[in-house]
């Protein structure tokens, strides 16, 4: 797929990007190369390829799910202006 000068100018206008007239030739060339690469990638047969969540077969190490700190709720709520039943009360901001 090839891009011409008017398409580059139109895309720049839609994106609200100011492009100098001398740079349009370079952008036209670069966008044409990018779209050609996408066309090549679209032609690659991927029917027998299984989708991957990550390009590397890395396993995430998970820590053991256990409590490591003591409950300090009452200590933290002593400095709160208003609490009720272990919850922080805040003023209503949406009516």
Protein backbone atom coordinates (compact mmCIF):
# COMPACT_ATOMS: atom_id res chain seq x y z
CA UNK A 1 0.00 0.00 0.00
CA UNK A 2 1.35 3.42 -0.87
CA UNK A 3 0.52 6.72 0.73
CA UNK A 4 0.58 9.98 -1.18
CA UNK A 5 1.14 13.56 -0.07
CA UNK A 6 -2.55 14.42 0.26
CA UNK A 7 -3.20 11.45 2.57
CA UNK A 8 -0.30 12.47 4.82
CA UNK A 9 -1.64 16.02 4.95
CA UNK A 10 -5.14 14.74 5.73
CA UNK A 11 -3.92 12.47 8.54
CA UNK A 12 -1.84 15.32 9.97
CA UNK A 13 -4.90 17.57 9.88
CA UNK A 14 -7.09 14.96 11.61
CA UNK A 15 -4.41 14.43 14.27
CA UNK A 16 -3.99 18.19 14.65
CA UNK A 17 -0.26 17.89 13.91
CA UNK A 18 1.55 20.66 12.06
CA UNK A 19 3.96 19.19 9.49
CA UNK A 20 6.43 21.33 7.62
CA UNK A 21 5.99 21.06 3.84
CA UNK A 22 9.59 19.86 3.41
CA UNK A 23 9.02 16.96 5.84
CA UNK A 24 5.95 15.55 4.07
CA UNK A 25 8.09 13.62 1.59
CA UNK A 26 9.89 11.83 4.44
CA UNK A 27 6.66 11.07 6.27
CA UNK A 28 5.13 9.74 3.05
CA UNK A 29 8.09 7.41 2.54
CA UNK A 30 8.13 6.24 6.17
CA UNK A 31 4.39 5.59 6.32
CA UNK A 32 4.51 3.69 3.03
CA UNK A 33 7.33 1.51 4.41
CA UNK A 34 5.41 0.85 7.62
CA UNK A 35 2.26 -0.14 5.74
CA UNK A 36 4.30 -2.37 3.41
CA UNK A 37 5.73 -4.15 6.46
CA UNK A 38 2.21 -4.62 7.85
CA UNK A 39 1.12 -6.10 4.49
CA UNK A 40 4.05 -8.53 4.60
CA UNK A 41 3.15 -9.56 8.14
CA UNK A 42 -0.51 -10.08 7.14
CA UNK A 43 0.60 -12.54 4.44
CA UNK A 44 2.49 -14.72 6.94
CA UNK A 45 0.62 -18.00 7.54
CA UNK A 46 -0.32 -18.22 11.22
CA UNK A 47 -3.07 -20.86 11.10
CA UNK A 48 -1.06 -23.48 13.01
CA UNK A 49 0.46 -21.06 15.52
CA UNK A 50 -0.98 -21.01 19.03
CA UNK A 51 -1.47 -17.51 20.52
CA UNK A 52 0.84 -16.60 23.38
CA UNK A 53 0.27 -14.37 26.38
CA UNK A 54 3.96 -13.44 26.43
CA UNK A 55 6.75 -13.95 23.86
CA UNK A 56 8.93 -15.63 26.48
CA UNK A 57 7.85 -18.74 28.33
CA UNK A 58 8.43 -17.07 31.67
CA UNK A 59 6.68 -18.15 34.82
CA UNK A 60 5.79 -15.56 37.41
CA UNK A 61 7.03 -16.33 40.86
CA UNK A 62 4.30 -15.82 43.42
CA UNK A 63 4.80 -15.38 47.13
CA UNK A 64 2.95 -17.46 49.67
CA UNK A 65 -0.39 -15.85 50.55
CA UNK A 66 -0.07 -15.34 54.29
CA UNK A 67 -0.42 -12.47 56.75
CA UNK A 68 2.92 -10.80 57.41
CA UNK A 69 1.87 -7.70 59.38
CA UNK A 70 -0.31 -7.13 62.40
CA UNK A 71 -3.68 -5.39 62.16
CA UNK A 72 -3.18 -1.68 62.96
CA UNK A 73 -6.65 -0.42 62.03
CA UNK A 74 -7.42 1.09 65.43
CA UNK A 75 -4.03 2.80 65.58
CA UNK A 76 -4.54 4.43 62.16
CA UNK A 77 -8.17 5.37 62.83
CA UNK A 78 -7.27 7.29 66.00
CA UNK A 79 -6.07 10.20 63.85
CA UNK A 80 -9.05 10.08 61.45
CA UNK A 81 -11.67 12.81 61.97
CA UNK A 82 -14.69 10.50 61.74
CA UNK A 83 -14.92 6.68 61.78
CA UNK A 84 -17.77 4.27 62.26
CA UNK A 85 -17.71 0.46 62.56
CA UNK A 86 -14.08 0.35 61.44
CA UNK A 87 -14.68 2.51 58.35
CA UNK A 88 -13.47 6.01 57.50
CA UNK A 89 -16.35 8.44 56.97
CA UNK A 90 -15.84 11.23 54.44
CA UNK A 91 -18.02 14.15 53.42
CA UNK A 92 -20.40 13.63 50.52
CA UNK A 93 -18.97 15.28 47.38
CA UNK A 94 -21.54 14.23 44.77
CA UNK A 95 -25.17 15.22 45.05
